[in-house]
Structure formats: C-alpha cells, structure tokens
Amino acid sequence: MASDISVRFASYRKPLEARIGRSIEAGELRPGTNPGRLVDLLMGTIALPLLFFQEPPAVDEADMIVDQVLSGFAVSGDT
C-alpha cells in the first residue's frame, strides 16, 4: 500500500513541479523558489488532516488555499 501511495504522489508532483518551474521562468514566482517545497506545502494541506483522521479542506476552499500559499512565493509587489 505504501508503494501505491508513493507512486500516486509522485505522479501528481511531476506536472505540478513542471508548472511551477514554468511560472518561475516566466517571472510569476520568485527566483529561487523550490518547486518541490511548494508542492509539499500545497499537498500538506490535504495530506496532514487525513493522517490525523480529520476532514480535508472543502473543495470550495481550494482556490483560497492555493492563493494563500502562492502569495508567499510571489514576486515582490505582486501580492
């Protein structure tokens, strides 16, 4: 089961990290942003409650969560 979860997380990560990399190159996110760390922050919001048998965030909170996380990586003046 652990290997199945690992494969699923890896398959989610690759396209997200690639998209974040393109955003860095386009100047939409700060230079030096670590795409893997940013994905960890986004995915942790979902995974952590599940580990402690709590409800994950509601679907209608997704935009707000992403906006809040990305604001910490925005290019200065874009927040």
PDB file of N, CA and C in Angstrom:
ATOM      1  N   MET A   1       0.812  -1.183   0.000  1.00  0.00           N
ATOM      2  CA  MET A   1       0.000   0.000   0.000  1.00  0.00           C
ATOM      3  C   MET A   1       0.868   1.265   0.000  1.00  0.00           C
ATOM      4  N   ALA A   2       1.933   1.248   0.782  1.00  0.00           N
ATOM      5  CA  ALA A   2       2.808   2.429   0.835  1.00  0.00           C
ATOM      6  C   ALA A   2       3.402   2.734  -0.531  1.00  0.00           C
ATOM      7  N   SER A   3       3.751   1.686  -1.286  1.00  0.00           N
ATOM      8  CA  SER A   3       4.323   1.929  -2.608  1.00  0.00           C
ATOM      9  C   SER A   3       3.272   2.507  -3.554  1.00  0.00           C
ATOM     10  N   ASP A   4       2.012   2.077  -3.427  1.00  0.00           N
ATOM     11  CA  ASP A   4       0.928   2.638  -4.239  1.00  0.00           C
ATOM     12  C   ASP A   4       0.748   4.128  -3.955  1.00  0.00           C
ATOM     13  N   ILE A   5       0.779   4.485  -2.686  1.00  0.00           N
ATOM     14  CA  ILE A   5       0.639   5.894  -2.302  1.00  0.00           C
ATOM     15  C   ILE A   5       1.820   6.694  -2.826  1.00  0.00           C
ATOM     16  N   SER A   6       3.009   6.140  -2.720  1.00  0.00           N
ATOM     17  CA  SER A   6       4.206   6.822  -3.212  1.00  0.00           C
ATOM     18  C   SER A   6       4.118   7.082  -4.714  1.00  0.00           C
ATOM     19  N   VAL A   7       3.664   6.107  -5.461  1.00  0.00           N
ATOM     20  CA  VAL A   7       3.525   6.255  -6.912  1.00  0.00           C
ATOM     21  C   VAL A   7       2.485   7.315  -7.236  1.00  0.00           C
ATOM     22  N   ARG A   8       1.366   7.308  -6.527  1.00  0.00           N
ATOM     23  CA  ARG A   8       0.324   8.311  -6.768  1.00  0.00           C
ATOM     24  C   ARG A   8       0.835   9.717  -6.477  1.00  0.00           C
ATOM     25  N   PHE A   9       1.503   9.901  -5.352  1.00  0.00           N
ATOM     26  CA  PHE A   9       2.023  11.233  -5.020  1.00  0.00           C
ATOM     27  C   PHE A   9       3.055  11.670  -6.049  1.00  0.00           C
ATOM     28  N   ALA A  10       3.909  10.754  -6.476  1.00  0.00           N
ATOM     29  CA  ALA A  10       4.929  11.102  -7.476  1.00  0.00           C
ATOM     30  C   ALA A  10       4.275  11.506  -8.782  1.00  0.00           C
ATOM     31  N   SER A  11       3.215  10.818  -9.174  1.00  0.00           N
ATOM     32  CA  SER A  11       2.557  11.159 -10.434  1.00  0.00           C
ATOM     33  C   SER A  11       1.851  12.504 -10.351  1.00  0.00           C
ATOM     34  N   TYR A  12       1.390  12.909  -9.183  1.00  0.00           N
ATOM     35  CA  TYR A  12       0.798  14.236  -9.006  1.00  0.00           C
ATOM     36  C   TYR A  12       1.878  15.311  -9.011  1.00  0.00           C
ATOM     37  N   ARG A  13       3.007  15.007  -8.413  1.00  0.00           N
ATOM     38  CA  ARG A  13       4.065  16.002  -8.218  1.00  0.00           C
ATOM     39  C   ARG A  13       4.705  16.467  -9.519  1.00  0.00           C
ATOM     40  N   LYS A  14       5.002  15.539 -10.388  1.00  0.00           N
ATOM     41  CA  LYS A  14       5.775  15.885 -11.588  1.00  0.00           C
ATOM     42  C   LYS A  14       5.136  17.005 -12.400  1.00  0.00           C
ATOM     43  N   PRO A  15       3.852  16.920 -12.769  1.00  0.00           N
ATOM     44  CA  PRO A  15       3.269  18.025 -13.544  1.00  0.00           C
ATOM     45  C   PRO A  15       3.157  19.316 -12.740  1.00  0.00           C
ATOM     46  N   LEU A  16       2.919  19.211 -11.440  1.00  0.00           N
ATOM     47  CA  LEU A  16       2.846  20.421 -10.619  1.00  0.00           C
ATOM     48  C   LEU A  16       4.206  21.107 -10.540  1.00  0.00           C
ATOM     49  N   GLU A  17       5.244  20.323 -10.327  1.00  0.00           N
ATOM     50  CA  GLU A  17       6.587  20.899 -10.262  1.00  0.00           C
ATOM     51  C   GLU A  17       6.981  21.508 -11.599  1.00  0.00           C
ATOM     52  N   ALA A  18       6.602  20.865 -12.689  1.00  0.00           N
ATOM     53  CA  ALA A  18       6.903  21.419 -14.013  1.00  0.00           C
ATOM     54  C   ALA A  18       6.180  22.750 -14.214  1.00  0.00           C
ATOM     55  N   ARG A  19       4.919  22.814 -13.811  1.00  0.00           N
ATOM     56  CA  ARG A  19       4.152  24.059 -13.964  1.00  0.00           C
ATOM     57  C   ARG A  19       4.740  25.165 -13.104  1.00  0.00           C
ATOM     58  N   ILE A  20       5.146  24.831 -11.899  1.00  0.00           N
ATOM     59  CA  ILE A  20       5.774  25.818 -11.019  1.00  0.00           C
ATOM     60  C   ILE A  20       7.083  26.291 -11.634  1.00  0.00           C
ATOM     61  N   GLY A  21       7.852  25.379 -12.211  1.00  0.00           N
ATOM     62  CA  GLY A  21       9.094  25.757 -12.882  1.00  0.00           C
ATOM     63  C   GLY A  21       8.855  26.746 -14.009  1.00  0.00           C
ATOM     64  N   ARG A  22       7.799  26.526 -14.780  1.00  0.00           N
ATOM     65  CA  ARG A  22       7.468  27.464 -15.863  1.00  0.00           C
ATOM     66  C   ARG A  22       7.057  28.824 -15.297  1.00  0.00           C
ATOM     67  N   SER A  23       6.378  28.826 -14.175  1.00  0.00           N
ATOM     68  CA  SER A  23       5.978  30.087 -13.545  1.00  0.00           C
ATOM     69  C   SER A  23       7.188  30.858 -13.033  1.00  0.00           C
ATOM     70  N   ILE A  24       8.180  30.149 -12.543  1.00  0.00           N
ATOM     71  CA  ILE A  24       9.421  30.795 -12.096  1.00  0.00           C
ATOM     72  C   ILE A  24      10.128  31.414 -13.299  1.00  0.00           C
ATOM     73  N   GLU A  25      10.253  30.639 -14.366  1.00  0.00           N
ATOM     74  CA  GLU A  25      10.908  31.129 -15.578  1.00  0.00           C
ATOM     75  C   GLU A  25      10.185  32.335 -16.171  1.00  0.00           C
ATOM     76  N   ALA A  26       8.858  32.371 -16.050  1.00  0.00           N
ATOM     77  CA  ALA A  26       8.066  33.475 -16.599  1.00  0.00           C
ATOM     78  C   ALA A  26       8.059  34.689 -15.676  1.00  0.00           C
ATOM     79  N   GLY A  27       8.677  34.569 -14.504  1.00  0.00           N
ATOM     80  CA  GLY A  27       8.717  35.692 -13.574  1.00  0.00           C
ATOM     81  C   GLY A  27       7.455  35.829 -12.732  1.00  0.00           C
ATOM     82  N   GLU A  28       6.612  34.815 -12.744  1.00  0.00           N
ATOM     83  CA  GLU A  28       5.376  34.856 -11.961  1.00  0.00           C
ATOM     84  C   GLU A  28       5.606  34.475 -10.500  1.00  0.00           C
ATOM     85  N   LEU A  29       6.676  33.728 -10.249  1.00  0.00           N
ATOM     86  CA  LEU A  29       7.068  33.362  -8.892  1.00  0.00           C
ATOM     87  C   LEU A  29       8.519  33.775  -8.686  1.00  0.00           C
ATOM     88  N   ARG A  30       8.881  33.974  -7.437  1.00  0.00           N
ATOM     89  CA  ARG A  30      10.229  34.436  -7.115  1.00  0.00           C
ATOM     90  C   ARG A  30      11.305  33.495  -7.630  1.00  0.00           C
ATOM     91  N   PRO A  31      12.402  34.069  -8.137  1.00  0.00           N
ATOM     92  CA  PRO A  31      13.557  33.236  -8.480  1.00  0.00           C
ATOM     93  C   PRO A  31      14.026  32.516  -7.209  1.00  0.00           C
ATOM     94  N   GLY A  32      14.500  31.328  -7.368  1.00  0.00           N
ATOM     95  CA  GLY A  32      14.964  30.571  -6.213  1.00  0.00           C
ATOM     96  C   GLY A  32      13.861  29.776  -5.532  1.00  0.00           C
ATOM     97  N   THR A  33      12.623  29.915  -6.011  1.00  0.00           N
ATOM     98  CA  THR A  33      11.531  29.114  -5.460  1.00  0.00           C
ATOM     99  C   THR A  33      11.834  27.644  -5.719  1.00  0.00           C
ATOM    100  N   ASN A  34      11.680  26.837  -4.706  1.00  0.00           N
ATOM    101  CA  ASN A  34      11.907  25.400  -4.818  1.00  0.00           C
ATOM    102  C   ASN A  34      10.572  24.740  -5.180  1.00  0.00           C
ATOM    103  N   PRO A  35      10.410  24.278  -6.440  1.00  0.00           N
ATOM    104  CA  PRO A  35       9.130  23.697  -6.838  1.00  0.00           C
ATOM    105  C   PRO A  35       8.691  22.529  -5.954  1.00  0.00           C
ATOM    106  N   GLY A  36       9.614  21.696  -5.547  1.00  0.00           N
ATOM    107  CA  GLY A  36       9.264  20.569  -4.689  1.00  0.00           C
ATOM    108  C   GLY A  36       8.727  21.009  -3.344  1.00  0.00           C
ATOM    109  N   ARG A  37       9.342  22.023  -2.771  1.00  0.00           N
ATOM    110  CA  ARG A  37       8.885  22.537  -1.473  1.00  0.00           C
ATOM    111  C   ARG A  37       7.499  23.156  -1.606  1.00  0.00           C
ATOM    112  N   LEU A  38       7.265  23.875  -2.692  1.00  0.00           N
ATOM    113  CA  LEU A  38       5.958  24.487  -2.913  1.00  0.00           C
ATOM    114  C   LEU A  38       4.881  23.410  -3.059  1.00  0.00           C
ATOM    115  N   VAL A  39       5.180  22.347  -3.769  1.00  0.00           N
ATOM    116  CA  VAL A  39       4.233  21.236  -3.894  1.00  0.00           C
ATOM    117  C   VAL A  39       3.991  20.601  -2.523  1.00  0.00           C
ATOM    118  N   ASP A  40       5.049  20.452  -1.717  1.00  0.00           N
ATOM    119  CA  ASP A  40       4.891  19.909  -0.365  1.00  0.00           C
ATOM    120  C   ASP A  40       3.907  20.746   0.446  1.00  0.00           C
ATOM    121  N   LEU A  41       4.033  22.059   0.358  1.00  0.00           N
ATOM    122  CA  LEU A  41       3.147  22.942   1.107  1.00  0.00           C
ATOM    123  C   LEU A  41       1.697  22.794   0.644  1.00  0.00           C
ATOM    124  N   LEU A  42       1.504  22.729  -0.649  1.00  0.00           N
ATOM    125  CA  LEU A  42       0.141  22.576  -1.171  1.00  0.00           C
ATOM    126  C   LEU A  42      -0.452  21.216  -0.816  1.00  0.00           C
ATOM    127  N   MET A  43       0.328  20.168  -0.988  1.00  0.00           N
ATOM    128  CA  MET A  43      -0.180  18.814  -0.727  1.00  0.00           C
ATOM    129  C   MET A  43      -0.343  18.552   0.763  1.00  0.00           C
ATOM    130  N   GLY A  44       0.492  19.185   1.575  1.00  0.00           N
ATOM    131  CA  GLY A  44       0.396  19.006   3.019  1.00  0.00           C
ATOM    132  C   GLY A  44      -0.935  19.464   3.578  1.00  0.00           C
ATOM    133  N   THR A  45      -1.516  20.468   2.945  1.00  0.00           N
ATOM    134  CA  THR A  45      -2.807  20.971   3.380  1.00  0.00           C
ATOM    135  C   THR A  45      -3.880  19.893   3.279  1.00  0.00           C
ATOM    136  N   ILE A  46      -3.704  18.984   2.343  1.00  0.00           N
ATOM    137  CA  ILE A  46      -4.668  17.893   2.163  1.00  0.00           C
ATOM    138  C   ILE A  46      -4.247  16.659   2.956  1.00  0.00           C
ATOM    139  N   ALA A  47      -2.965  16.322   2.891  1.00  0.00           N
ATOM    140  CA  ALA A  47      -2.496  15.076   3.486  1.00  0.00           C
ATOM    141  C   ALA A  47      -2.493  15.094   5.014  1.00  0.00           C
ATOM    142  N   LEU A  48      -2.124  16.207   5.614  1.00  0.00           N
ATOM    143  CA  LEU A  48      -1.995  16.252   7.076  1.00  0.00           C
ATOM    144  C   LEU A  48      -3.311  15.963   7.790  1.00  0.00           C
ATOM    145  N   PRO A  49      -4.420  16.598   7.414  1.00  0.00           N
ATOM    146  CA  PRO A  49      -5.676  16.239   8.094  1.00  0.00           C
ATOM    147  C   PRO A  49      -6.025  14.753   7.949  1.00  0.00           C
ATOM    148  N   LEU A  50      -5.745  14.173   6.796  1.00  0.00           N
ATOM    149  CA  LEU A  50      -6.051  12.757   6.596  1.00  0.00           C
ATOM    150  C   LEU A  50      -5.228  11.867   7.520  1.00  0.00           C
ATOM    151  N   LEU A  51      -3.986  12.255   7.774  1.00  0.00           N
ATOM    152  CA  LEU A  51      -3.131  11.472   8.677  1.00  0.00           C
ATOM    153  C   LEU A  51      -3.657  11.469  10.112  1.00  0.00           C
ATOM    154  N   PHE A  52      -4.367  12.539  10.472  1.00  0.00           N
ATOM    155  CA  PHE A  52      -4.893  12.658  11.834  1.00  0.00           C
ATOM    156  C   PHE A  52      -6.406  12.449  11.889  1.00  0.00           C
ATOM    157  N   PHE A  53      -6.925  11.753  10.857  1.00  0.00           N
ATOM    158  CA  PHE A  53      -8.335  11.375  10.808  1.00  0.00           C
ATOM    159  C   PHE A  53      -9.278  12.571  10.918  1.00  0.00           C
ATOM    160  N   GLN A  54      -8.887  13.672  10.284  1.00  0.00           N
ATOM    161  CA  GLN A  54      -9.731  14.861  10.221  1.00  0.00           C
ATOM    162  C   GLN A  54     -10.211  15.038   8.790  1.00  0.00           C
ATOM    163  N   GLU A  55     -11.208  15.864   8.625  1.00  0.00           N
ATOM    164  CA  GLU A  55     -11.722  16.144   7.294  1.00  0.00           C
ATOM    165  C   GLU A  55     -10.728  17.008   6.521  1.00  0.00           C
ATOM    166  N   PRO A  56     -10.487  16.684   5.261  1.00  0.00           N
ATOM    167  CA  PRO A  56      -9.632  17.560   4.449  1.00  0.00           C
ATOM    168  C   PRO A  56     -10.385  18.853   4.145  1.00  0.00           C
ATOM    169  N   PRO A  57      -9.693  19.858   3.639  1.00  0.00           N
ATOM    170  CA  PRO A  57     -10.375  21.101   3.290  1.00  0.00           C
ATOM    171  C   PRO A  57     -11.477  20.836   2.262  1.00  0.00           C
ATOM    172  N   ALA A  58     -12.501  21.657   2.310  1.00  0.00           N
ATOM    173  CA  ALA A  58     -13.605  21.534   1.351  1.00  0.00           C
ATOM    174  C   ALA A  58     -13.128  21.945  -0.038  1.00  0.00           C
ATOM    175  N   VAL A  59     -13.731  21.384  -1.051  1.00  0.00           N
ATOM    176  CA  VAL A  59     -13.366  21.677  -2.438  1.00  0.00           C
ATOM    177  C   VAL A  59     -13.466  23.175  -2.719  1.00  0.00           C
ATOM    178  N   ASP A  60     -14.469  23.823  -2.153  1.00  0.00           N
ATOM    179  CA  ASP A  60     -14.637  25.257  -2.425  1.00  0.00           C
ATOM    180  C   ASP A  60     -13.577  26.125  -1.748  1.00  0.00           C
ATOM    181  N   GLU A  61     -12.708  25.527  -0.933  1.00  0.00           N
ATOM    182  CA  GLU A  61     -11.598  26.260  -0.320  1.00  0.00           C
ATOM    183  C   GLU A  61     -10.313  26.174  -1.143  1.00  0.00           C
ATOM    184  N   ALA A  62     -10.308  25.372  -2.201  1.00  0.00           N
ATOM    185  CA  ALA A  62      -9.087  25.113  -2.967  1.00  0.00           C
ATOM    186  C   ALA A  62      -8.451  26.382  -3.505  1.00  0.00           C
ATOM    187  N   ASP A  63      -9.227  27.237  -4.136  1.00  0.00           N
ATOM    188  CA  ASP A  63      -8.663  28.484  -4.693  1.00  0.00           C
ATOM    189  C   ASP A  63      -8.024  29.330  -3.608  1.00  0.00           C
ATOM    190  N   MET A  64      -8.689  29.451  -2.458  1.00  0.00           N
ATOM    191  CA  MET A  64      -8.171  30.256  -1.363  1.00  0.00           C
ATOM    192  C   MET A  64      -6.857  29.674  -0.833  1.00  0.00           C
ATOM    193  N   ILE A  65      -6.803  28.368  -0.693  1.00  0.00           N
ATOM    194  CA  ILE A  65      -5.590  27.711  -0.182  1.00  0.00           C
ATOM    195  C   ILE A  65      -4.428  27.947  -1.136  1.00  0.00           C
ATOM    196  N   VAL A  66      -4.651  27.729  -2.413  1.00  0.00           N
ATOM    197  CA  VAL A  66      -3.594  27.926  -3.407  1.00  0.00           C
ATOM    198  C   VAL A  66      -3.151  29.386  -3.410  1.00  0.00           C
ATOM    199  N   ASP A  67      -4.091  30.319  -3.391  1.00  0.00           N
ATOM    200  CA  ASP A  67      -3.745  31.748  -3.373  1.00  0.00           C
ATOM    201  C   ASP A  67      -2.908  32.102  -2.151  1.00  0.00           C
ATOM    202  N   GLN A  68      -3.274  31.579  -0.996  1.00  0.00           N
ATOM    203  CA  GLN A  68      -2.535  31.880   0.227  1.00  0.00           C
ATOM    204  C   GLN A  68      -1.118  31.330   0.184  1.00  0.00           C
ATOM    205  N   VAL A  69      -0.960  30.110  -0.295  1.00  0.00           N
ATOM    206  CA  VAL A  69       0.379  29.518  -0.381  1.00  0.00           C
ATOM    207  C   VAL A  69       1.215  30.266  -1.414  1.00  0.00           C
ATOM    208  N   LEU A  70       0.642  30.516  -2.584  1.00  0.00           N
ATOM    209  CA  LEU A  70       1.401  31.182  -3.645  1.00  0.00           C
ATOM    210  C   LEU A  70       1.772  32.613  -3.289  1.00  0.00           C
ATOM    211  N   SER A  71       0.990  33.274  -2.459  1.00  0.00           N
ATOM    212  CA  SER A  71       1.320  34.660  -2.099  1.00  0.00           C
ATOM    213  C   SER A  71       2.674  34.743  -1.403  1.00  0.00           C
ATOM    214  N   GLY A  72       3.064  33.696  -0.720  1.00  0.00           N
ATOM    215  CA  GLY A  72       4.370  33.675  -0.078  1.00  0.00           C
ATOM    216  C   GLY A  72       5.524  33.510  -1.058  1.00  0.00           C
ATOM    217  N   PHE A  73       5.223  33.095  -2.276  1.00  0.00           N
ATOM    218  CA  PHE A  73       6.251  32.884  -3.296  1.00  0.00           C
ATOM    219  C   PHE A  73       6.156  33.888  -4.435  1.00  0.00           C
ATOM    220  N   ALA A  74       5.231  34.840  -4.310  1.00  0.00           N
ATOM    221  CA  ALA A  74       5.023  35.814  -5.371  1.00  0.00           C
ATOM    222  C   ALA A  74       6.223  36.730  -5.516  1.00  0.00           C
ATOM    223  N   VAL A  75       6.404  37.228  -6.715  1.00  0.00           N
ATOM    224  CA  VAL A  75       7.426  38.222  -6.958  1.00  0.00           C
ATOM    225  C   VAL A  75       7.051  39.467  -6.169  1.00  0.00           C
ATOM    226  N   SER A  76       7.998  40.111  -5.550  1.00  0.00           N
ATOM    227  CA  SER A  76       7.733  41.301  -4.733  1.00  0.00           C
ATOM    228  C   SER A  76       6.868  42.289  -5.484  1.00  0.00           C
ATOM    229  N   GLY A  77       5.811  42.753  -4.824  1.00  0.00           N
ATOM    230  CA  GLY A  77       4.896  43.710  -5.439  1.00  0.00           C
ATOM    231  C   GLY A  77       3.709  43.066  -6.091  1.00  0.00           C
ATOM    232  N   ASP A  78       3.669  41.730  -6.216  1.00  0.00           N
ATOM    233  CA  ASP A  78       2.555  41.041  -6.852  1.00  0.00           C
ATOM    234  C   ASP A  78       1.523  40.545  -5.852  1.00  0.00           C
ATOM    235  N   THR A  79       1.728  40.745  -4.566  1.00  0.00           N
ATOM    236  CA  THR A  79       0.790  40.225  -3.579  1.00  0.00           C
ATOM    237  C   THR A  79      -0.353  41.157  -3.340  1.00  0.00           C
TER     238      THR A  79
END
